Amino acid sequence: SQTCVDIKDNIVDEGYYFTPKGNDPCLSCTCHNGEPEMCVAALCE
């Protein structure tokens, strides 16, 4: 099954928080059915 992969190429288990692969290291999402959901973005000065 597809899975969640974080920005450092680690596999993420169901229900855990992680930063998805992409170009935004300030996202924090929940892994659900191999998809990032309920993402929150940190805002940086």
PDB file of all heavy atoms in Angstrom:
ATOM      1  N   SER A   1       0.839  -1.187   0.000  1.00  0.00           N
ATOM      2  CA  SER A   1       0.000   0.000   0.000  1.00  0.00           C
ATOM      3  C   SER A   1       0.879   1.244   0.000  1.00  0.00           C
ATOM      4  O   SER A   1       1.996   1.239   0.526  1.00  0.00           O
ATOM      5  CB  SER A   1      -0.907   0.015   1.232  1.00  0.00           C
ATOM      6  OG  SER A   1      -1.771  -1.095   1.228  1.00  0.00           O
ATOM      7  N   GLN A   2       0.374   2.311  -0.616  1.00  0.00           N
ATOM      8  CA  GLN A   2       1.113   3.573  -0.554  1.00  0.00           C
ATOM      9  C   GLN A   2       1.282   3.983   0.902  1.00  0.00           C
ATOM     10  O   GLN A   2       0.513   3.582   1.778  1.00  0.00           O
ATOM     11  CB  GLN A   2       0.394   4.662  -1.334  1.00  0.00           C
ATOM     12  CG  GLN A   2      -0.913   5.137  -0.714  1.00  0.00           C
ATOM     13  CD  GLN A   2      -1.582   6.208  -1.571  1.00  0.00           C
ATOM     14  OE1 GLN A   2      -1.416   6.241  -2.777  1.00  0.00           O
ATOM     15  NE2 GLN A   2      -2.335   7.076  -0.944  1.00  0.00           N
ATOM     16  N   THR A   3       2.295   4.758   1.151  1.00  0.00           N
ATOM     17  CA  THR A   3       2.615   5.105   2.524  1.00  0.00           C
ATOM     18  C   THR A   3       2.971   6.582   2.608  1.00  0.00           C
ATOM     19  O   THR A   3       3.083   7.256   1.596  1.00  0.00           O
ATOM     20  CB  THR A   3       3.789   4.244   3.026  1.00  0.00           C
ATOM     21  OG1 THR A   3       3.996   4.479   4.405  1.00  0.00           O
ATOM     22  CG2 THR A   3       5.068   4.567   2.263  1.00  0.00           C
ATOM     23  N   CYS A   4       3.131   7.069   3.809  1.00  0.00           N
ATOM     24  CA  CYS A   4       3.606   8.440   4.003  1.00  0.00           C
ATOM     25  C   CYS A   4       5.125   8.415   4.055  1.00  0.00           C
ATOM     26  O   CYS A   4       5.721   7.585   4.743  1.00  0.00           O
ATOM     27  CB  CYS A   4       3.051   9.022   5.304  1.00  0.00           C
ATOM     28  SG  CYS A   4       1.250   9.180   5.338  1.00  0.00           S
ATOM     29  N   VAL A   5       5.746   9.313   3.310  1.00  0.00           N
ATOM     30  CA  VAL A   5       7.197   9.446   3.293  1.00  0.00           C
ATOM     31  C   VAL A   5       7.537  10.869   3.675  1.00  0.00           C
ATOM     32  O   VAL A   5       7.033  11.818   3.063  1.00  0.00           O
ATOM     33  CB  VAL A   5       7.767   9.107   1.894  1.00  0.00           C
ATOM     34  CG1 VAL A   5       9.285   9.215   1.892  1.00  0.00           C
ATOM     35  CG2 VAL A   5       7.337   7.713   1.468  1.00  0.00           C
ATOM     36  N   ASP A   6       8.394  11.045   4.689  1.00  0.00           N
ATOM     37  CA  ASP A   6       8.671  12.397   5.145  1.00  0.00           C
ATOM     38  C   ASP A   6       9.761  13.067   4.316  1.00  0.00           C
ATOM     39  O   ASP A   6      10.313  12.471   3.381  1.00  0.00           O
ATOM     40  CB  ASP A   6       8.995  12.427   6.646  1.00  0.00           C
ATOM     41  CG  ASP A   6      10.363  11.845   6.974  1.00  0.00           C
ATOM     42  OD1 ASP A   6      11.159  11.589   6.052  1.00  0.00           O
ATOM     43  OD2 ASP A   6      10.636  11.662   8.181  1.00  0.00           O
ATOM     44  N   ILE A   7      10.066  14.297   4.648  1.00  0.00           N
ATOM     45  CA  ILE A   7      10.966  15.118   3.848  1.00  0.00           C
ATOM     46  C   ILE A   7      12.381  14.555   3.815  1.00  0.00           C
ATOM     47  O   ILE A   7      13.174  14.887   2.942  1.00  0.00           O
ATOM     48  CB  ILE A   7      10.956  16.572   4.386  1.00  0.00           C
ATOM     49  CG1 ILE A   7      11.533  17.541   3.346  1.00  0.00           C
ATOM     50  CG2 ILE A   7      11.672  16.665   5.728  1.00  0.00           C
ATOM     51  CD1 ILE A   7      11.309  18.995   3.683  1.00  0.00           C
ATOM     52  N   LYS A   8      12.707  13.666   4.775  1.00  0.00           N
ATOM     53  CA  LYS A   8      14.035  13.052   4.813  1.00  0.00           C
ATOM     54  C   LYS A   8      13.997  11.605   4.330  1.00  0.00           C
ATOM     55  O   LYS A   8      14.905  10.830   4.588  1.00  0.00           O
ATOM     56  CB  LYS A   8      14.609  13.137   6.230  1.00  0.00           C
ATOM     57  CG  LYS A   8      14.852  14.581   6.670  1.00  0.00           C
ATOM     58  CD  LYS A   8      15.488  14.653   8.047  1.00  0.00           C
ATOM     59  CE  LYS A   8      15.748  16.109   8.434  1.00  0.00           C
ATOM     60  NZ  LYS A   8      16.361  16.219   9.786  1.00  0.00           N
ATOM     61  N   ASP A   9      12.906  11.253   3.628  1.00  0.00           N
ATOM     62  CA  ASP A   9      12.740   9.936   2.998  1.00  0.00           C
ATOM     63  C   ASP A   9      12.546   8.803   3.998  1.00  0.00           C
ATOM     64  O   ASP A   9      12.809   7.643   3.706  1.00  0.00           O
ATOM     65  CB  ASP A   9      13.918   9.614   2.076  1.00  0.00           C
ATOM     66  CG  ASP A   9      13.497   8.664   0.956  1.00  0.00           C
ATOM     67  OD1 ASP A   9      12.372   8.822   0.438  1.00  0.00           O
ATOM     68  OD2 ASP A   9      14.274   7.769   0.602  1.00  0.00           O
ATOM     69  N   ASN A  10      12.049   9.132   5.183  1.00  0.00           N
ATOM     70  CA  ASN A  10      11.702   8.102   6.158  1.00  0.00           C
ATOM     71  C   ASN A  10      10.241   7.700   5.974  1.00  0.00           C
ATOM     72  O   ASN A  10       9.390   8.535   5.677  1.00  0.00           O
ATOM     73  CB  ASN A  10      11.904   8.620   7.583  1.00  0.00           C
ATOM     74  CG  ASN A  10      13.351   8.982   7.863  1.00  0.00           C
ATOM     75  OD1 ASN A  10      14.247   8.207   7.566  1.00  0.00           O
ATOM     76  ND2 ASN A  10      13.573  10.165   8.403  1.00  0.00           N
ATOM     77  N   ILE A  11       9.939   6.422   6.181  1.00  0.00           N
ATOM     78  CA  ILE A  11       8.560   5.939   6.121  1.00  0.00           C
ATOM     79  C   ILE A  11       7.869   6.275   7.437  1.00  0.00           C
ATOM     80  O   ILE A  11       8.421   6.077   8.517  1.00  0.00           O
ATOM     81  CB  ILE A  11       8.521   4.430   5.862  1.00  0.00           C
ATOM     82  CG1 ILE A  11       9.142   4.119   4.488  1.00  0.00           C
ATOM     83  CG2 ILE A  11       7.102   3.893   5.923  1.00  0.00           C
ATOM     84  CD1 ILE A  11       9.262   2.649   4.196  1.00  0.00           C
ATOM     85  N   VAL A  12       6.638   6.792   7.332  1.00  0.00           N
ATOM     86  CA  VAL A  12       5.890   7.237   8.510  1.00  0.00           C
ATOM     87  C   VAL A  12       4.708   6.301   8.744  1.00  0.00           C
ATOM     88  O   VAL A  12       3.966   5.977   7.817  1.00  0.00           O
ATOM     89  CB  VAL A  12       5.390   8.687   8.320  1.00  0.00           C
ATOM     90  CG1 VAL A  12       4.657   9.175   9.566  1.00  0.00           C
ATOM     91  CG2 VAL A  12       6.550   9.609   7.985  1.00  0.00           C
ATOM     92  N   ASP A  13       4.521   5.872   9.971  1.00  0.00           N
ATOM     93  CA  ASP A  13       3.420   4.978  10.304  1.00  0.00           C
ATOM     94  C   ASP A  13       2.095   5.732  10.386  1.00  0.00           C
ATOM     95  O   ASP A  13       2.051   6.950  10.594  1.00  0.00           O
ATOM     96  CB  ASP A  13       3.689   4.281  11.638  1.00  0.00           C
ATOM     97  CG  ASP A  13       4.840   3.288  11.543  1.00  0.00           C
ATOM     98  OD1 ASP A  13       5.061   2.758  10.431  1.00  0.00           O
ATOM     99  OD2 ASP A  13       5.520   3.062  12.562  1.00  0.00           O
ATOM    100  N   GLU A  14       1.025   4.986  10.229  1.00  0.00           N
ATOM    101  CA  GLU A  14      -0.330   5.528  10.293  1.00  0.00           C
ATOM    102  C   GLU A  14      -0.555   6.285  11.600  1.00  0.00           C
ATOM    103  O   GLU A  14      -0.214   5.809  12.686  1.00  0.00           O
ATOM    104  CB  GLU A  14      -1.339   4.387  10.171  1.00  0.00           C
ATOM    105  CG  GLU A  14      -2.800   4.796  10.220  1.00  0.00           C
ATOM    106  CD  GLU A  14      -3.293   5.425   8.925  1.00  0.00           C
ATOM    107  OE1 GLU A  14      -2.537   5.430   7.941  1.00  0.00           O
ATOM    108  OE2 GLU A  14      -4.439   5.879   8.893  1.00  0.00           O
ATOM    109  N   GLY A  15      -1.108   7.509  11.481  1.00  0.00           N
ATOM    110  CA  GLY A  15      -1.482   8.285  12.652  1.00  0.00           C
ATOM    111  C   GLY A  15      -0.397   9.179  13.211  1.00  0.00           C
ATOM    112  O   GLY A  15      -0.660   9.973  14.121  1.00  0.00           O
ATOM    113  N   TYR A  16       0.812   9.105  12.673  1.00  0.00           N
ATOM    114  CA  TYR A  16       1.912   9.912  13.209  1.00  0.00           C
ATOM    115  C   TYR A  16       2.015  11.251  12.479  1.00  0.00           C
ATOM    116  O   TYR A  16       1.637  11.390  11.323  1.00  0.00           O
ATOM    117  CB  TYR A  16       3.233   9.151  13.085  1.00  0.00           C
ATOM    118  CG  TYR A  16       3.449   8.116  14.165  1.00  0.00           C
ATOM    119  CD1 TYR A  16       2.757   6.907  14.142  1.00  0.00           C
ATOM    120  CD2 TYR A  16       4.331   8.345  15.210  1.00  0.00           C
ATOM    121  CE1 TYR A  16       2.942   5.955  15.127  1.00  0.00           C
ATOM    122  CE2 TYR A  16       4.522   7.390  16.218  1.00  0.00           C
ATOM    123  CZ  TYR A  16       3.832   6.207  16.164  1.00  0.00           C
ATOM    124  OH  TYR A  16       4.009   5.271  17.147  1.00  0.00           O
ATOM    125  N   TYR A  17       2.595  12.238  13.173  1.00  0.00           N
ATOM    126  CA  TYR A  17       2.870  13.535  12.566  1.00  0.00           C
ATOM    127  C   TYR A  17       4.152  13.453  11.739  1.00  0.00           C
ATOM    128  O   TYR A  17       5.091  12.748  12.100  1.00  0.00           O
ATOM    129  CB  TYR A  17       3.044  14.612  13.642  1.00  0.00           C
ATOM    130  CG  TYR A  17       1.784  14.918  14.409  1.00  0.00           C
ATOM    131  CD1 TYR A  17       1.642  14.517  15.734  1.00  0.00           C
ATOM    132  CD2 TYR A  17       0.746  15.628  13.811  1.00  0.00           C
ATOM    133  CE1 TYR A  17       0.480  14.796  16.445  1.00  0.00           C
ATOM    134  CE2 TYR A  17      -0.413  15.915  14.505  1.00  0.00           C
ATOM    135  CZ  TYR A  17      -0.545  15.498  15.826  1.00  0.00           C
ATOM    136  OH  TYR A  17      -1.688  15.773  16.516  1.00  0.00           O
ATOM    137  N   PHE A  18       4.192  14.207  10.654  1.00  0.00           N
ATOM    138  CA  PHE A  18       5.406  14.224   9.829  1.00  0.00           C
ATOM    139  C   PHE A  18       5.378  15.428   8.894  1.00  0.00           C
ATOM    140  O   PHE A  18       4.344  16.068   8.695  1.00  0.00           O
ATOM    141  CB  PHE A  18       5.522  12.936   9.018  1.00  0.00           C
ATOM    142  CG  PHE A  18       4.568  12.847   7.841  1.00  0.00           C
ATOM    143  CD1 PHE A  18       5.034  12.907   6.537  1.00  0.00           C
ATOM    144  CD2 PHE A  18       3.196  12.704   8.035  1.00  0.00           C
ATOM    145  CE1 PHE A  18       4.168  12.817   5.459  1.00  0.00           C
ATOM    146  CE2 PHE A  18       2.320  12.615   6.970  1.00  0.00           C
ATOM    147  CZ  PHE A  18       2.815  12.673   5.673  1.00  0.00           C
ATOM    148  N   THR A  19       6.529  15.733   8.320  1.00  0.00           N
ATOM    149  CA  THR A  19       6.639  16.765   7.292  1.00  0.00           C
ATOM    150  C   THR A  19       6.751  16.065   5.946  1.00  0.00           C
ATOM    151  O   THR A  19       7.724  15.336   5.706  1.00  0.00           O
ATOM    152  CB  THR A  19       7.874  17.647   7.525  1.00  0.00           C
ATOM    153  OG1 THR A  19       7.740  18.318   8.779  1.00  0.00           O
ATOM    154  CG2 THR A  19       8.029  18.686   6.418  1.00  0.00           C
ATOM    155  N   PRO A  20       5.773  16.233   5.057  1.00  0.00           N
ATOM    156  CA  PRO A  20       5.789  15.505   3.776  1.00  0.00           C
ATOM    157  C   PRO A  20       6.943  15.941   2.888  1.00  0.00           C
ATOM    158  O   PRO A  20       7.480  17.046   3.017  1.00  0.00           O
ATOM    159  CB  PRO A  20       4.449  15.890   3.138  1.00  0.00           C
ATOM    160  CG  PRO A  20       3.641  16.501   4.226  1.00  0.00           C
ATOM    161  CD  PRO A  20       4.608  17.100   5.192  1.00  0.00           C
ATOM    162  N   LYS A  21       7.312  15.051   1.957  1.00  0.00           N
ATOM    163  CA  LYS A  21       8.277  15.438   0.934  1.00  0.00           C
ATOM    164  C   LYS A  21       7.651  16.541   0.096  1.00  0.00           C
ATOM    165  O   LYS A  21       6.486  16.515  -0.232  1.00  0.00           O
ATOM    166  CB  LYS A  21       8.632  14.245   0.051  1.00  0.00           C
ATOM    167  CG  LYS A  21       9.607  13.284   0.691  1.00  0.00           C
ATOM    168  CD  LYS A  21      10.103  12.251  -0.289  1.00  0.00           C
ATOM    169  CE  LYS A  21      11.412  12.657  -0.923  1.00  0.00           C
ATOM    170  NZ  LYS A  21      12.515  12.737   0.044  1.00  0.00           N
ATOM    171  N   GLY A  22       8.466  17.498  -0.255  1.00  0.00           N
ATOM    172  CA  GLY A  22       7.983  18.651  -0.993  1.00  0.00           C
ATOM    173  C   GLY A  22       8.939  19.794  -0.769  1.00  0.00           C
ATOM    174  O   GLY A  22      10.093  19.593  -0.390  1.00  0.00           O
ATOM    175  N   ASN A  23       8.493  21.009  -0.982  1.00  0.00           N
ATOM    176  CA  ASN A  23       9.398  22.145  -0.829  1.00  0.00           C
ATOM    177  C   ASN A  23       8.997  23.046   0.325  1.00  0.00           C
ATOM    178  O   ASN A  23       9.320  24.226   0.344  1.00  0.00           O
ATOM    179  CB  ASN A  23       9.471  22.943  -2.135  1.00  0.00           C
ATOM    180  CG  ASN A  23       8.103  23.432  -2.581  1.00  0.00           C
ATOM    181  OD1 ASN A  23       7.101  23.152  -1.923  1.00  0.00           O
ATOM    182  ND2 ASN A  23       8.064  24.136  -3.694  1.00  0.00           N
ATOM    183  N   ASP A  24       8.273  22.493   1.302  1.00  0.00           N
ATOM    184  CA  ASP A  24       7.892  23.292   2.462  1.00  0.00           C
ATOM    185  C   ASP A  24       8.236  22.525   3.744  1.00  0.00           C
ATOM    186  O   ASP A  24       7.471  21.670   4.184  1.00  0.00           O
ATOM    187  CB  ASP A  24       6.397  23.608   2.424  1.00  0.00           C
ATOM    188  CG  ASP A  24       6.002  24.642   3.477  1.00  0.00           C
ATOM    189  OD1 ASP A  24       6.831  24.917   4.376  1.00  0.00           O
ATOM    190  OD2 ASP A  24       4.887  25.174   3.394  1.00  0.00           O
ATOM    191  N   PRO A  25       9.402  22.810   4.345  1.00  0.00           N
ATOM    192  CA  PRO A  25       9.803  22.088   5.556  1.00  0.00           C
ATOM    193  C   PRO A  25       9.044  22.521   6.795  1.00  0.00           C
ATOM    194  O   PRO A  25       9.290  21.980   7.873  1.00  0.00           O
ATOM    195  CB  PRO A  25      11.295  22.435   5.672  1.00  0.00           C
ATOM    196  CG  PRO A  25      11.405  23.791   5.064  1.00  0.00           C
ATOM    197  CD  PRO A  25      10.416  23.803   3.923  1.00  0.00           C
ATOM    198  N   CYS A  26       8.128  23.481   6.647  1.00  0.00           N
ATOM    199  CA  CYS A  26       7.393  23.989   7.804  1.00  0.00           C
ATOM    200  C   CYS A  26       5.988  23.409   7.911  1.00  0.00           C
ATOM    201  O   CYS A  26       5.162  23.926   8.662  1.00  0.00           O
ATOM    202  CB  CYS A  26       7.339  25.514   7.770  1.00  0.00           C
ATOM    203  SG  CYS A  26       8.926  26.285   8.137  1.00  0.00           S
ATOM    204  N   LEU A  27       5.698  22.360   7.146  1.00  0.00           N
ATOM    205  CA  LEU A  27       4.405  21.701   7.257  1.00  0.00           C
ATOM    206  C   LEU A  27       4.477  20.559   8.267  1.00  0.00           C
ATOM    207  O   LEU A  27       5.456  19.820   8.317  1.00  0.00           O
ATOM    208  CB  LEU A  27       3.969  21.124   5.913  1.00  0.00           C
ATOM    209  CG  LEU A  27       3.435  22.093   4.861  1.00  0.00           C
ATOM    210  CD1 LEU A  27       3.027  21.314   3.621  1.00  0.00           C
ATOM    211  CD2 LEU A  27       2.268  22.882   5.394  1.00  0.00           C
ATOM    212  N   SER A  28       3.433  20.420   9.045  1.00  0.00           N
ATOM    213  CA  SER A  28       3.299  19.276   9.937  1.00  0.00           C
ATOM    214  C   SER A  28       1.940  18.652   9.662  1.00  0.00           C
ATOM    215  O   SER A  28       0.907  19.319   9.797  1.00  0.00           O
ATOM    216  CB  SER A  28       3.408  19.701  11.401  1.00  0.00           C
ATOM    217  OG  SER A  28       3.248  18.582  12.251  1.00  0.00           O
ATOM    218  N   CYS A  29       1.941  17.379   9.241  1.00  0.00           N
ATOM    219  CA  CYS A  29       0.706  16.709   8.831  1.00  0.00           C
ATOM    220  C   CYS A  29       0.543  15.404   9.608  1.00  0.00           C
ATOM    221  O   CYS A  29       1.479  14.887  10.215  1.00  0.00           O
ATOM    222  CB  CYS A  29       0.726  16.396   7.333  1.00  0.00           C
ATOM    223  SG  CYS A  29       1.017  17.831   6.270  1.00  0.00           S
ATOM    224  N   THR A  30      -0.659  14.858   9.547  1.00  0.00           N
ATOM    225  CA  THR A  30      -0.938  13.548  10.108  1.00  0.00           C
ATOM    226  C   THR A  30      -1.026  12.529   8.981  1.00  0.00           C
ATOM    227  O   THR A  30      -1.651  12.792   7.950  1.00  0.00           O
ATOM    228  CB  THR A  30      -2.269  13.563  10.892  1.00  0.00           C
ATOM    229  OG1 THR A  30      -2.196  14.541  11.930  1.00  0.00           O
ATOM    230  CG2 THR A  30      -2.542  12.194  11.509  1.00  0.00           C
ATOM    231  N   CYS A  31      -0.386  11.376   9.153  1.00  0.00           N
ATOM    232  CA  CYS A  31      -0.433  10.317   8.137  1.00  0.00           C
ATOM    233  C   CYS A  31      -1.735   9.541   8.275  1.00  0.00           C
ATOM    234  O   CYS A  31      -2.017   8.969   9.330  1.00  0.00           O
ATOM    235  CB  CYS A  31       0.762   9.375   8.303  1.00  0.00           C
ATOM    236  SG  CYS A  31       0.785   8.027   7.098  1.00  0.00           S
ATOM    237  N   HIS A  32      -2.547   9.523   7.192  1.00  0.00           N
ATOM    238  CA  HIS A  32      -3.812   8.801   7.206  1.00  0.00           C
ATOM    239  C   HIS A  32      -3.981   8.100   5.868  1.00  0.00           C
ATOM    240  O   HIS A  32      -4.072   8.737   4.818  1.00  0.00           O
ATOM    241  CB  HIS A  32      -4.981   9.763   7.454  1.00  0.00           C
ATOM    242  CG  HIS A  32      -6.321   9.091   7.453  1.00  0.00           C
ATOM    243  ND1 HIS A  32      -6.690   8.145   8.378  1.00  0.00           N
ATOM    244  CD2 HIS A  32      -7.382   9.224   6.601  1.00  0.00           C
ATOM    245  CE1 HIS A  32      -7.919   7.736   8.120  1.00  0.00           C
ATOM    246  NE2 HIS A  32      -8.357   8.367   7.040  1.00  0.00           N
ATOM    247  N   ASN A  33      -3.997   6.773   5.887  1.00  0.00           N
ATOM    248  CA  ASN A  33      -4.142   5.969   4.667  1.00  0.00           C
ATOM    249  C   ASN A  33      -3.112   6.341   3.603  1.00  0.00           C
ATOM    250  O   ASN A  33      -3.413   6.414   2.415  1.00  0.00           O
ATOM    251  CB  ASN A  33      -5.553   6.105   4.092  1.00  0.00           C
ATOM    252  CG  ASN A  33      -6.596   5.437   4.965  1.00  0.00           C
ATOM    253  OD1 ASN A  33      -6.293   4.515   5.724  1.00  0.00           O
ATOM    254  ND2 ASN A  33      -7.830   5.914   4.875  1.00  0.00           N
ATOM    255  N   GLY A  34      -1.887   6.590   4.060  1.00  0.00           N
ATOM    256  CA  GLY A  34      -0.820   6.895   3.124  1.00  0.00           C
ATOM    257  C   GLY A  34      -0.847   8.303   2.582  1.00  0.00           C
ATOM    258  O   GLY A  34      -0.100   8.632   1.664  1.00  0.00           O
ATOM    259  N   GLU A  35      -1.697   9.155   3.120  1.00  0.00           N
ATOM    260  CA  GLU A  35      -1.811  10.532   2.651  1.00  0.00           C
ATOM    261  C   GLU A  35      -1.578  11.498   3.810  1.00  0.00           C
ATOM    262  O   GLU A  35      -1.960  11.219   4.949  1.00  0.00           O
ATOM    263  CB  GLU A  35      -3.216  10.795   2.081  1.00  0.00           C
ATOM    264  CG  GLU A  35      -3.566   9.973   0.860  1.00  0.00           C
ATOM    265  CD  GLU A  35      -3.092  10.611  -0.422  1.00  0.00           C
ATOM    266  OE1 GLU A  35      -2.382  11.648  -0.331  1.00  0.00           O
ATOM    267  OE2 GLU A  35      -3.424  10.101  -1.496  1.00  0.00           O
ATOM    268  N   PRO A  36      -0.959  12.666   3.543  1.00  0.00           N
ATOM    269  CA  PRO A  36      -0.847  13.694   4.574  1.00  0.00           C
ATOM    270  C   PRO A  36      -2.165  14.446   4.718  1.00  0.00           C
ATOM    271  O   PRO A  36      -2.716  14.942   3.740  1.00  0.00           O
ATOM    272  CB  PRO A  36       0.258  14.609   4.044  1.00  0.00           C
ATOM    273  CG  PRO A  36       0.255  14.408   2.572  1.00  0.00           C
ATOM    274  CD  PRO A  36      -0.259  13.022   2.307  1.00  0.00           C
ATOM    275  N   GLU A  37      -2.687  14.494   5.937  1.00  0.00           N
ATOM    276  CA  GLU A  37      -3.941  15.198   6.189  1.00  0.00           C
ATOM    277  C   GLU A  37      -3.793  16.115   7.400  1.00  0.00           C
ATOM    278  O   GLU A  37      -2.859  15.988   8.187  1.00  0.00           O
ATOM    279  CB  GLU A  37      -5.079  14.196   6.420  1.00  0.00           C
ATOM    280  CG  GLU A  37      -5.447  13.387   5.186  1.00  0.00           C
ATOM    281  CD  GLU A  37      -6.697  12.544   5.390  1.00  0.00           C
ATOM    282  OE1 GLU A  37      -7.218  12.533   6.522  1.00  0.00           O
ATOM    283  OE2 GLU A  37      -7.148  11.912   4.421  1.00  0.00           O
ATOM    284  N   MET A  38      -4.756  17.024   7.552  1.00  0.00           N
ATOM    285  CA  MET A  38      -4.796  17.964   8.675  1.00  0.00           C
ATOM    286  C   MET A  38      -3.449  18.664   8.843  1.00  0.00           C
ATOM    287  O   MET A  38      -2.840  18.667   9.912  1.00  0.00           O
ATOM    288  CB  MET A  38      -5.205  17.248   9.964  1.00  0.00           C
ATOM    289  CG  MET A  38      -6.614  16.671   9.913  1.00  0.00           C
ATOM    290  SD  MET A  38      -7.130  15.905  11.455  1.00  0.00           S
ATOM    291  CE  MET A  38      -6.076  14.463  11.473  1.00  0.00           C
ATOM    292  N   CYS A  39      -2.966  19.252   7.761  1.00  0.00           N
ATOM    293  CA  CYS A  39      -1.648  19.886   7.775  1.00  0.00           C
ATOM    294  C   CYS A  39      -1.702  21.280   8.395  1.00  0.00           C
ATOM    295  O   CYS A  39      -2.651  22.038   8.188  1.00  0.00           O
ATOM    296  CB  CYS A  39      -1.094  19.988   6.361  1.00  0.00           C
ATOM    297  SG  CYS A  39      -0.839  18.375   5.574  1.00  0.00           S
ATOM    298  N   VAL A  40      -0.681  21.592   9.149  1.00  0.00           N
ATOM    299  CA  VAL A  40      -0.523  22.914   9.758  1.00  0.00           C
ATOM    300  C   VAL A  40       0.824  23.461   9.310  1.00  0.00           C
ATOM    301  O   VAL A  40       1.829  22.747   9.325  1.00  0.00           O
ATOM    302  CB  VAL A  40      -0.577  22.823  11.298  1.00  0.00           C
ATOM    303  CG1 VAL A  40      -0.331  24.187  11.912  1.00  0.00           C
ATOM    304  CG2 VAL A  40      -1.912  22.266  11.749  1.00  0.00           C
ATOM    305  N   ALA A  41       0.849  24.740   8.901  1.00  0.00           N
ATOM    306  CA  ALA A  41       2.080  25.365   8.441  1.00  0.00           C
ATOM    307  C   ALA A  41       2.594  26.344   9.487  1.00  0.00           C
ATOM    308  O   ALA A  41       1.837  27.177   9.990  1.00  0.00           O
ATOM    309  CB  ALA A  41       1.849  26.093   7.116  1.00  0.00           C
ATOM    310  N   ALA A  42       3.868  26.233   9.826  1.00  0.00           N
ATOM    311  CA  ALA A  42       4.499  27.218  10.696  1.00  0.00           C
ATOM    312  C   ALA A  42       4.859  28.439   9.865  1.00  0.00           C
ATOM    313  O   ALA A  42       5.213  28.326   8.690  1.00  0.00           O
ATOM    314  CB  ALA A  42       5.747  26.618  11.333  1.00  0.00           C
ATOM    315  N   LEU A  43       4.752  29.608  10.466  1.00  0.00           N
ATOM    316  CA  LEU A  43       5.078  30.863   9.786  1.00  0.00           C
ATOM    317  C   LEU A  43       6.385  31.403  10.358  1.00  0.00           C
ATOM    318  O   LEU A  43       6.531  31.550  11.566  1.00  0.00           O
ATOM    319  CB  LEU A  43       3.955  31.877   9.981  1.00  0.00           C
ATOM    320  CG  LEU A  43       2.551  31.384   9.613  1.00  0.00           C
ATOM    321  CD1 LEU A  43       1.526  32.489   9.807  1.00  0.00           C
ATOM    322  CD2 LEU A  43       2.517  30.892   8.173  1.00  0.00           C
ATOM    323  N   CYS A  44       7.331  31.696   9.483  1.00  0.00           N
ATOM    324  CA  CYS A  44       8.666  32.104   9.924  1.00  0.00           C
ATOM    325  C   CYS A  44       8.935  33.564   9.584  1.00  0.00           C
ATOM    326  O   CYS A  44       8.675  34.005   8.460  1.00  0.00           O
ATOM    327  CB  CYS A  44       9.732  31.251   9.253  1.00  0.00           C
ATOM    328  SG  CYS A  44       9.487  29.488   9.454  1.00  0.00           S
ATOM    329  N   GLU A  45       9.477  34.317  10.539  1.00  0.00           N
ATOM    330  CA  GLU A  45       9.989  35.645  10.246  1.00  0.00           C
ATOM    331  C   GLU A  45      11.379  35.500   9.653  1.00  0.00           C
ATOM    332  O   GLU A  45      12.099  34.553   9.955  1.00  0.00           O
ATOM    333  CB  GLU A  45      10.060  36.485  11.517  1.00  0.00           C
ATOM    334  CG  GLU A  45       8.702  36.828  12.114  1.00  0.00           C
ATOM    335  CD  GLU A  45       8.832  37.793  13.276  1.00  0.00           C
ATOM    336  OE1 GLU A  45       9.958  38.266  13.509  1.00  0.00           O
ATOM    337  OE2 GLU A  45       7.813  38.061  13.929  1.00  0.00           O
TER     338      GLU A  45
END
